[in-house]
């Protein structure tokens, strides 16, 4: 079943209220015995329209509290997402369609609330991503994951959802409830459930996100799942008043954080701390001097279950900052230090005020290109660097694969004989300033967003060395 039963909004809300009342009265206080079920009118069964905080929290307060601070709950509140959709629909004349929202708001997409339309007066295409029904604005909510019935494609939201009358999960022999049917589903122990939205191919077939594919190709396939790292387990009741089960954390900690004002999305500081902790556990970082070769060696081992960085890799930046000082404390070499606008000093003049001034930059990310092609799909021009997911027909990824050790370093042969100290850091951020500036100029992104993007120190090391005779 590909569509949700979302007709009769008022009737569904009434049904949701009835279910909630039943939950408050019975299910969350006493588990039902086998063969018993409270009488609940399911004639209008369908997905609740009032959201997890109303429909789920009274029985599952821990899970909802965790979900509320997650990127899944943030998916339709993200100001960068709104700006991307605005620009994408305008630039593609609406051809971008449901490409973004089918993962960011599966319910909004299936209900038709996010249908793309053109303004009759201006001809400008747009897609509504704010002010939708609560269930649509909840993004990737409890109801989305727990009504998933099938994975039809491990990419681009290739999943089917049931009506919402039955909630699926990983619990064997679930207690009976008067609020909804509960069934065990093998999907919840399968990484393909995550891969449906964590493998993204743009309309031109370019892989913009390969996280699940990266895991499939890694040594972790068969030993650790996405859920093991991003949904760590604990013991406790799955619902209020029920017995102890194995629970899974619903914060889904990854690398994205809220870029809204701190008061507008919960868990601002705590979630950032958790993201930092996760990132600091993903690498083994070593720095040492090769004095005879007058070189500073940097080794980065990726301990994550996928590439580093992963996700929307064209937006992510993992890089090495190296600062070398002489015995007098003067900086004699630096790499990975930004220009005055915060951008890395890459070769591309459109992305930094100081292009080409950091020739030894160690940067892991993805570059997207638009290559002019003829009717036979043959290149007829030079690739043009592009910034937005709907634009490229080609990409080049510079990533560290799972378990790979990247042996990198810096040529310091230009330095004179003497004693030196090097301070080296491995850093991460989810968006580069140049991308956000474009969204400010072209899609009305608030300039307050960019300063909220944290730069996370993933690892650091130092080395002292001498070139030449002692």
Protein backbone atom coordinates (compact mmCIF):
# COMPACT_ATOMS: atom_id res chain seq x y z
CA UNK A 1 0.00 0.00 0.00
CA UNK A 2 1.67 3.20 -1.19
CA UNK A 3 -0.82 5.76 0.03
CA UNK A 4 -1.95 6.54 3.51
CA UNK A 5 -5.61 6.74 4.43
CA UNK A 6 -5.63 10.49 5.05
CA UNK A 7 -9.14 11.36 3.94
CA UNK A 8 -11.62 12.79 6.39
CA UNK A 9 -9.21 14.84 8.46
CA UNK A 10 -11.80 15.71 11.08
CA UNK A 11 -12.91 12.09 11.46
CA UNK A 12 -9.31 10.95 11.81
CA UNK A 13 -8.66 13.49 14.51
CA UNK A 14 -11.70 12.23 16.33
CA UNK A 15 -10.46 8.67 16.00
CA UNK A 16 -7.04 9.76 17.24
CA UNK A 17 -8.60 11.43 20.27
CA UNK A 18 -10.58 8.26 21.01
CA UNK A 19 -7.42 6.18 20.79
CA UNK A 20 -5.60 8.57 23.09
CA UNK A 21 -8.40 8.43 25.63
CA UNK A 22 -8.28 4.64 25.56
CA UNK A 23 -4.52 4.78 26.06
CA UNK A 24 -4.80 7.08 29.04
CA UNK A 25 -7.48 4.89 30.55
CA UNK A 26 -6.09 1.41 30.07
CA UNK A 27 -3.19 0.53 27.83
CA UNK A 28 -0.51 2.56 29.52
CA UNK A 29 -1.43 1.49 33.01
CA UNK A 30 -1.98 -2.25 32.58
CA UNK A 31 -0.82 -4.50 29.74
CA UNK A 32 -3.65 -6.48 28.26
CA UNK A 33 -3.73 -10.20 28.80
CA UNK A 34 -3.61 -12.53 25.85
CA UNK A 35 -6.98 -12.73 24.17
CA UNK A 36 -8.28 -9.52 25.76
CA UNK A 37 -8.73 -6.24 23.93
CA UNK A 38 -10.58 -3.13 24.92
CA UNK A 39 -13.35 -2.09 22.58
CA UNK A 40 -12.02 0.69 20.35
CA UNK A 41 -13.85 1.95 17.30
CA UNK A 42 -11.48 1.45 14.36
CA UNK A 43 -13.94 2.31 11.63
CA UNK A 44 -11.95 5.45 10.82
CA UNK A 45 -8.52 3.91 11.43
CA UNK A 46 -5.79 5.87 9.75
CA UNK A 47 -2.76 7.93 10.54
CA UNK A 48 -3.27 10.38 13.41
CA UNK A 49 -3.09 14.01 12.41
CA UNK A 50 -2.02 15.52 15.70
CA UNK A 51 1.52 14.16 15.99
CA UNK A 52 3.64 12.02 18.31
CA UNK A 53 3.51 14.44 21.23
CA UNK A 54 -0.25 13.94 21.44
CA UNK A 55 -0.81 10.54 19.89
CA UNK A 56 2.20 8.60 21.17
CA UNK A 57 3.76 10.34 24.17
CA UNK A 58 1.26 9.31 26.80
CA UNK A 59 2.15 5.64 26.28
CA UNK A 60 5.71 6.06 24.99
CA UNK A 61 7.07 9.17 26.74
CA UNK A 62 10.74 8.17 26.60
CA UNK A 63 10.73 7.39 22.90
CA UNK A 64 8.88 10.59 22.01
CA UNK A 65 11.14 12.72 24.22
CA UNK A 66 14.17 11.28 22.39
CA UNK A 67 12.60 11.67 18.96
CA UNK A 68 11.70 15.33 19.64
CA UNK A 69 15.38 16.37 19.61
CA UNK A 70 16.33 14.19 16.63
CA UNK A 71 17.12 15.12 13.04
CA UNK A 72 14.07 13.07 12.08
CA UNK A 73 11.87 15.50 14.01
CA UNK A 74 13.88 18.40 12.55
CA UNK A 75 13.54 17.29 8.93
CA UNK A 76 10.64 19.64 8.11
CA UNK A 77 11.84 22.45 10.36
CA UNK A 78 15.32 22.83 8.90
CA UNK A 79 15.69 26.35 7.40
CA UNK A 80 18.36 25.12 4.95
CA UNK A 81 15.92 22.49 3.67
CA UNK A 82 13.21 25.12 3.14
CA UNK A 83 15.63 27.35 1.24
CA UNK A 84 16.87 24.43 -0.89
CA UNK A 85 13.32 23.43 -1.83
CA UNK A 86 12.38 27.02 -2.68
CA UNK A 87 15.37 27.47 -4.96
CA UNK A 88 15.09 23.99 -6.43
CA UNK A 89 11.47 24.34 -7.50
CA UNK A 90 12.11 27.77 -8.98
CA UNK A 91 15.22 26.71 -10.91
CA UNK A 92 13.75 23.47 -12.25
CA UNK A 93 10.33 24.95 -13.04
CA UNK A 94 8.74 22.48 -10.67
CA UNK A 95 10.45 19.43 -12.15
CA UNK A 96 12.14 18.72 -8.82
CA UNK A 97 8.68 17.57 -7.71
CA UNK A 98 8.55 15.45 -4.56
CA UNK A 99 12.25 14.54 -4.70
CA UNK A 100 13.04 16.16 -1.33
CA UNK A 101 9.77 15.97 0.58
CA UNK A 102 9.17 12.26 0.09
CA UNK A 103 11.92 11.64 2.65
CA UNK A 104 11.57 14.82 4.70
CA UNK A 105 7.78 14.54 5.06
CA UNK A 106 6.43 11.19 3.87
CA UNK A 107 2.97 11.92 5.25
CA UNK A 108 2.84 15.42 3.77
CA UNK A 109 3.91 14.01 0.44
CA UNK A 110 1.33 11.23 0.42
CA UNK A 111 -1.47 13.48 1.63
CA UNK A 112 -0.90 15.91 -1.23
CA UNK A 113 -0.08 18.83 1.07
CA UNK A 114 3.31 19.33 -0.58
CA UNK A 115 2.11 19.34 -4.19
CA UNK A 116 4.17 21.62 -6.43
CA UNK A 117 2.28 24.44 -8.14
CA UNK A 118 2.96 27.54 -10.23
CA UNK A 119 1.78 31.02 -9.30
CA UNK A 120 -0.68 32.05 -12.06
CA UNK A 121 0.50 35.65 -11.90
CA UNK A 122 4.27 35.11 -11.92
CA UNK A 123 4.69 31.58 -13.25
CA UNK A 124 7.08 30.83 -10.39
CA UNK A 125 6.92 27.26 -9.13
CA UNK A 126 6.83 26.57 -5.41
CA UNK A 127 6.19 23.82 -2.92
CA UNK A 128 4.64 24.32 0.49
CA UNK A 129 6.93 23.07 3.25
CA UNK A 130 5.67 25.16 6.16
CA UNK A 131 2.29 25.55 7.83
CA UNK A 132 1.22 22.01 6.95
CA UNK A 133 -0.83 19.68 9.11
CA UNK A 134 0.95 18.64 12.30
CA UNK A 135 1.55 15.09 11.05
CA UNK A 136 3.18 16.43 7.89
CA UNK A 137 5.33 18.94 9.78
CA UNK A 138 6.51 16.19 12.13
CA UNK A 139 8.68 14.93 9.28
CA UNK A 140 10.04 11.47 9.93
CA UNK A 141 7.78 10.69 12.86
CA UNK A 142 6.83 7.62 14.87
CA UNK A 143 3.95 6.99 12.53
CA UNK A 144 6.22 6.94 9.46
CA UNK A 145 8.71 4.35 10.64
CA UNK A 146 6.32 2.22 12.66
CA UNK A 147 3.75 1.86 9.88
CA UNK A 148 6.35 0.88 7.27
CA UNK A 149 5.30 -2.38 5.66
CA UNK A 150 7.81 -2.93 2.90
CA UNK A 151 11.05 -1.68 1.35
CA UNK A 152 10.65 -1.66 -2.40
CA UNK A 153 13.89 0.16 -3.22
CA UNK A 154 16.89 0.97 -1.05
CA UNK A 155 16.99 4.58 -2.24
CA UNK A 156 14.85 7.69 -2.70
CA UNK A 157 12.08 6.84 -0.19
CA UNK A 158 11.40 3.41 -1.67
CA UNK A 159 9.11 2.25 1.10
CA UNK A 160 5.43 1.46 1.55
CA UNK A 161 3.31 2.54 4.50
CA UNK A 162 0.26 0.85 5.96
CA UNK A 163 -2.89 2.56 7.16
CA UNK A 164 -1.62 3.23 10.66
CA UNK A 165 -4.01 0.84 12.38
CA UNK A 166 -1.06 -1.50 13.02
CA UNK A 167 2.22 -0.31 14.49
CA UNK A 168 5.25 -2.45 13.61
CA UNK A 169 8.43 -2.77 15.63
CA UNK A 170 11.29 -5.02 16.74
CA UNK A 171 9.57 -6.43 19.84
CA UNK A 172 8.76 -10.13 19.79
CA UNK A 173 5.38 -11.07 21.25
CA UNK A 174 4.31 -7.45 21.87
CA UNK A 175 1.74 -6.77 24.57
CA UNK A 176 -1.75 -6.22 23.25
CA UNK A 177 -3.03 -2.66 23.27
CA UNK A 178 -6.47 -1.07 22.92
CA UNK A 179 -4.95 1.79 20.90
CA UNK A 180 -3.45 0.02 17.91
CA UNK A 181 -2.47 -3.40 16.70
CA UNK A 182 1.18 -4.25 17.36
CA UNK A 183 3.26 -6.63 15.28
CA UNK A 184 6.87 -7.74 15.03
CA UNK A 185 8.52 -6.71 11.77
CA UNK A 186 11.87 -7.95 10.49
CA UNK A 187 12.38 -4.56 8.84
CA UNK A 188 13.44 -3.11 12.18
CA UNK A 189 16.50 -5.33 12.31
CA UNK A 190 17.36 -4.65 8.67
CA UNK A 191 19.53 -1.76 7.51
CA UNK A 192 17.50 -1.46 4.30
CA UNK A 193 14.86 0.36 6.33
CA UNK A 194 17.42 3.12 6.89
CA UNK A 195 18.79 2.88 3.36
CA UNK A 196 15.49 3.92 1.79
CA UNK A 197 16.25 7.54 2.67
CA UNK A 198 20.00 7.31 3.23
CA UNK A 199 20.76 6.49 -0.37
CA UNK A 200 19.81 9.39 -2.60
CA UNK A 201 20.15 9.59 -6.38
CA UNK A 202 19.24 12.88 -8.00
CA UNK A 203 16.96 13.01 -11.07
CA UNK A 204 20.06 12.75 -13.26
CA UNK A 205 21.23 9.57 -11.53
CA UNK A 206 24.05 11.14 -9.53
CA UNK A 207 24.64 9.58 -6.12
CA UNK A 208 24.31 12.43 -3.64
CA UNK A 209 24.16 10.20 -0.59
CA UNK A 210 25.50 6.63 -0.37
CA UNK A 211 25.53 5.94 3.36
CA UNK A 212 23.77 2.58 3.18
CA UNK A 213 25.79 1.50 0.14
CA UNK A 214 28.98 2.45 1.98
CA UNK A 215 27.91 0.24 4.89
CA UNK A 216 27.05 -2.66 2.55
CA UNK A 217 30.55 -2.43 1.07
CA UNK A 218 32.22 -2.26 4.50
CA UNK A 219 33.54 -4.93 6.87
CA UNK A 220 30.70 -4.02 9.24
CA UNK A 221 28.11 -5.60 6.95
CA UNK A 222 27.05 -8.69 8.88
CA UNK A 223 28.46 -7.60 12.23
CA UNK A 224 27.09 -4.14 13.02
CA UNK A 225 23.99 -2.40 11.71
CA UNK A 226 22.99 1.24 11.40
CA UNK A 227 20.79 0.71 14.45
CA UNK A 228 23.70 -0.56 16.58
CA UNK A 229 25.51 2.78 16.32
CA UNK A 230 22.68 5.24 15.84
CA UNK A 231 20.04 3.61 18.06
CA UNK A 232 21.99 2.17 21.03
CA UNK A 233 19.99 -0.23 23.20
CA UNK A 234 18.96 -0.16 26.85
CA UNK A 235 16.45 -1.94 29.07
CA UNK A 236 13.09 -0.58 30.11
CA UNK A 237 9.35 -0.66 29.40
CA UNK A 238 8.36 -0.07 25.81
CA UNK A 239 5.16 1.57 27.07
CA UNK A 240 4.11 2.97 30.43
CA UNK A 241 3.05 0.19 32.79
CA UNK A 242 4.44 -2.59 30.62
CA UNK A 243 7.26 -5.03 31.30
CA UNK A 244 10.94 -4.62 30.60
CA UNK A 245 12.07 -4.88 27.00
CA UNK A 246 15.13 -4.04 24.93
CA UNK A 247 14.67 -0.40 23.94
CA UNK A 248 16.47 1.60 21.28
CA UNK A 249 17.42 5.27 21.52
CA UNK A 250 15.25 7.39 19.23
CA UNK A 251 17.56 10.41 19.07
CA UNK A 252 19.25 8.88 15.99
CA UNK A 253 22.42 10.85 16.68
CA UNK A 254 24.32 11.54 13.46
CA UNK A 255 26.10 14.71 12.38
CA UNK A 256 23.27 17.16 11.70
CA UNK A 257 22.11 19.58 14.39
CA UNK A 258 19.38 22.18 14.61
CA UNK A 259 20.28 25.50 12.99
CA UNK A 260 17.19 27.20 14.39
CA UNK A 261 17.46 29.61 17.33
CA UNK A 262 18.13 27.52 20.47
CA UNK A 263 14.66 28.15 21.90
CA UNK A 264 12.86 27.02 18.72
CA UNK A 265 13.96 23.38 18.72
CA UNK A 266 14.55 21.27 21.84
CA UNK A 267 17.82 19.77 23.01
CA UNK A 268 20.02 22.37 21.33
CA UNK A 269 23.18 22.05 23.46
CA UNK A 270 22.74 18.44 24.58
CA UNK A 271 22.32 17.18 21.02
CA UNK A 272 25.39 19.09 19.86
CA UNK A 273 27.36 17.47 22.66
CA UNK A 274 26.16 14.03 21.54
CA UNK A 275 27.09 14.73 17.93
CA UNK A 276 30.55 15.82 19.03
CA UNK A 277 30.96 12.67 21.09
CA UNK A 278 29.90 10.51 18.14
CA UNK A 279 32.29 12.25 15.76
CA UNK A 280 35.21 11.98 18.15
CA UNK A 281 34.77 8.22 18.17
CA UNK A 282 34.92 7.81 14.40
CA UNK A 283 38.65 8.10 13.76
CA UNK A 284 42.10 7.10 14.87
CA UNK A 285 44.34 10.11 14.26
CA UNK A 286 48.13 10.11 14.21
CA UNK A 287 50.65 12.85 13.41
CA UNK A 288 54.40 12.38 13.24
CA UNK A 289 57.36 14.10 11.65
CA UNK A 290 59.52 12.54 8.97
CA UNK A 291 62.59 14.59 9.75
CA UNK A 292 64.90 13.21 7.02
CA UNK A 293 62.13 13.73 4.45
CA UNK A 294 61.21 17.14 5.89
CA UNK A 295 57.60 16.08 5.96
CA UNK A 296 54.78 16.07 8.49
CA UNK A 297 52.80 12.84 8.16
CA UNK A 298 49.09 12.61 9.01
CA UNK A 299 47.29 9.25 9.23
CA UNK A 300 43.49 9.13 9.53
CA UNK A 301 41.78 5.79 10.10
CA UNK A 302 38.02 5.76 9.62
CA UNK A 303 36.36 3.69 12.36
CA UNK A 304 32.78 4.45 11.29
CA UNK A 305 30.56 1.94 9.51
CA UNK A 306 30.47 4.08 6.37
CA UNK A 307 32.64 6.62 4.58
CA UNK A 308 33.93 9.76 6.22
CA UNK A 309 32.18 12.08 5.76
CA UNK A 310 28.90 10.47 4.80
CA UNK A 311 25.36 11.61 4.13
CA UNK A 312 24.94 14.64 1.87
CA UNK A 313 28.66 14.65 1.15
CA UNK A 314 28.59 17.65 -1.20
CA UNK A 315 27.62 19.73 1.83
CA UNK A 316 29.87 18.04 4.40
CA UNK A 317 33.46 19.02 5.00
CA UNK A 318 36.04 17.01 6.94
CA UNK A 319 39.46 18.62 6.79
CA UNK A 320 42.82 18.85 8.51
CA UNK A 321 44.05 22.07 10.05
CA UNK A 322 47.81 22.17 10.53
CA UNK A 323 49.75 25.05 12.07
CA UNK A 324 53.54 24.86 12.33
CA UNK A 325 55.53 27.30 14.48
CA UNK A 326 59.26 27.86 14.78
CA UNK A 327 61.20 28.12 18.02
CA UNK A 328 60.30 31.80 18.31
CA UNK A 329 56.58 31.00 18.15
CA UNK A 330 56.05 32.40 14.66
CA UNK A 331 53.65 30.62 12.30
CA UNK A 332 55.78 29.38 9.42
CA UNK A 333 53.29 27.04 7.76
CA UNK A 334 49.53 26.66 7.87
CA UNK A 335 46.94 24.66 6.01
CA UNK A 336 43.22 24.15 6.59
CA UNK A 337 42.83 27.67 7.98
CA UNK A 338 39.91 29.58 6.42
CA UNK A 339 39.67 32.90 4.62
CA UNK A 340 38.07 35.91 6.29
CA UNK A 341 34.56 34.63 5.44
CA UNK A 342 35.18 31.21 6.98
CA UNK A 343 35.60 29.31 3.71
CA UNK A 344 38.43 26.88 3.12
CA UNK A 345 41.01 28.21 0.68
CA UNK A 346 40.26 25.78 -2.15
CA UNK A 347 41.25 26.29 -5.79
CA UNK A 348 37.79 27.48 -6.88
CA UNK A 349 37.53 31.28 -7.00
CA UNK A 350 33.75 31.20 -6.57
CA UNK A 351 34.10 29.52 -3.18
CA UNK A 352 36.81 31.53 -1.44
CA UNK A 353 38.39 34.98 -1.50
CA UNK A 354 41.84 33.34 -1.48
CA UNK A 355 41.73 30.64 -4.17
CA UNK A 356 44.83 28.50 -4.53
CA UNK A 357 46.53 29.81 -1.40
CA UNK A 358 46.29 26.45 0.40
CA UNK A 359 47.75 24.01 -2.13
CA UNK A 360 48.35 21.28 0.46
CA UNK A 361 44.81 21.39 1.88
CA UNK A 362 43.59 17.97 3.08
CA UNK A 363 39.83 18.03 2.51
CA UNK A 364 37.27 15.22 2.33
CA UNK A 365 34.00 16.07 0.63
CA UNK A 366 32.19 15.67 -2.70
CA UNK A 367 32.32 17.93 -5.73
CA UNK A 368 29.33 18.08 -8.08
CA UNK A 369 29.61 19.01 -11.75
CA UNK A 370 27.33 19.76 -14.67
CA UNK A 371 28.86 18.48 -17.89
CA UNK A 372 27.28 19.74 -21.12
CA UNK A 373 26.20 16.74 -23.19
CA UNK A 374 24.70 16.10 -26.63
CA UNK A 375 21.68 13.97 -27.47
CA UNK A 376 23.83 10.83 -27.38
CA UNK A 377 24.97 11.67 -23.84
CA UNK A 378 28.49 12.53 -24.98
CA UNK A 379 30.32 15.38 -23.27
CA UNK A 380 30.52 18.50 -25.44
CA UNK A 381 32.04 20.93 -22.97
CA UNK A 382 34.02 21.35 -19.79
CA UNK A 383 32.49 20.37 -16.42
CA UNK A 384 31.10 23.27 -14.40
CA UNK A 385 31.22 23.10 -10.62
CA UNK A 386 27.70 23.33 -9.12
CA UNK A 387 26.32 23.63 -5.61
CA UNK A 388 22.83 22.17 -5.54
CA UNK A 389 21.58 18.60 -5.66
CA UNK A 390 19.29 18.98 -8.67
CA UNK A 391 22.08 20.39 -10.87
CA UNK A 392 24.87 17.81 -11.35
CA UNK A 393 25.15 14.99 -13.86
CA UNK A 394 28.56 13.99 -12.53
CA UNK A 395 30.34 13.93 -9.17
CA UNK A 396 33.76 13.31 -7.74
CA UNK A 397 33.98 12.07 -4.16
CA UNK A 398 36.97 12.52 -1.90
CA UNK A 399 36.07 10.37 1.10
CA UNK A 400 37.74 7.93 3.49
CA UNK A 401 36.12 4.51 3.18
CA UNK A 402 35.15 2.51 6.25
CA UNK A 403 38.25 1.06 7.96
CA UNK A 404 40.53 2.76 5.43
CA UNK A 405 43.67 4.49 6.70
CA UNK A 406 44.32 7.67 4.74
CA UNK A 407 48.04 8.39 4.68
CA UNK A 408 48.42 12.10 4.05
CA UNK A 409 50.83 14.81 5.05
CA UNK A 410 52.60 18.07 4.30
CA UNK A 411 55.79 18.88 2.44
CA UNK A 412 57.79 21.19 4.72
CA UNK A 413 60.98 21.21 2.66
CA UNK A 414 60.74 24.98 2.24
CA UNK A 415 61.38 25.51 5.95
CA UNK A 416 64.95 26.30 7.06
CA UNK A 417 66.85 24.19 9.55
CA UNK A 418 65.60 24.54 13.10
CA UNK A 419 63.16 23.32 15.74
CA UNK A 420 59.42 23.30 15.13
CA UNK A 421 56.14 22.38 16.76
CA UNK A 422 53.02 21.39 14.86
CA UNK A 423 49.44 21.48 16.12
CA UNK A 424 47.09 19.46 13.93
CA UNK A 425 43.32 19.07 14.16
CA UNK A 426 40.73 17.03 12.27
CA UNK A 427 37.61 19.18 11.84
CA UNK A 428 34.04 18.71 10.59
CA UNK A 429 31.14 20.93 9.60
CA UNK A 430 27.84 20.14 7.91
CA UNK A 431 27.68 23.19 5.60
CA UNK A 432 30.35 25.47 4.12
CA UNK A 433 29.73 29.22 4.40
CA UNK A 434 29.81 29.78 0.62
CA UNK A 435 26.81 27.48 0.14
CA UNK A 436 24.75 29.23 2.81
CA UNK A 437 25.63 32.63 1.35
CA UNK A 438 24.17 31.53 -1.98
CA UNK A 439 20.98 30.41 -0.24
CA UNK A 440 20.81 33.76 1.55
CA UNK A 441 21.09 35.60 -1.76
CA UNK A 442 18.89 33.35 -3.88
CA UNK A 443 16.42 31.65 -1.52
CA UNK A 444 15.89 34.03 1.41
CA UNK A 445 17.80 31.95 3.95
CA UNK A 446 18.27 33.99 7.12
CA UNK A 447 21.85 35.19 7.65
CA UNK A 448 21.42 34.10 11.26
CA UNK A 449 21.66 30.45 10.19
CA UNK A 450 25.32 30.31 9.10
CA UNK A 451 26.80 31.31 12.49
CA UNK A 452 24.92 28.40 14.09
CA UNK A 453 26.76 25.78 12.02
CA UNK A 454 29.27 24.28 14.46
CA UNK A 455 32.79 23.29 13.56
CA UNK A 456 33.50 20.10 15.50
CA UNK A 457 36.99 19.05 16.48
CA UNK A 458 37.03 15.33 15.77
CA UNK A 459 40.63 14.73 16.83
CA UNK A 460 43.85 16.58 17.55
CA UNK A 461 47.55 15.84 17.86
CA UNK A 462 50.85 17.67 18.12
CA UNK A 463 54.44 16.97 17.18
CA UNK A 464 57.81 18.53 17.92
CA UNK A 465 60.67 18.03 15.48
CA UNK A 466 63.88 19.47 14.12
CA UNK A 467 65.17 19.83 10.60
CA UNK A 468 68.94 19.88 10.06
CA UNK A 469 71.77 19.27 12.46
CA UNK A 470 71.13 19.41 16.23
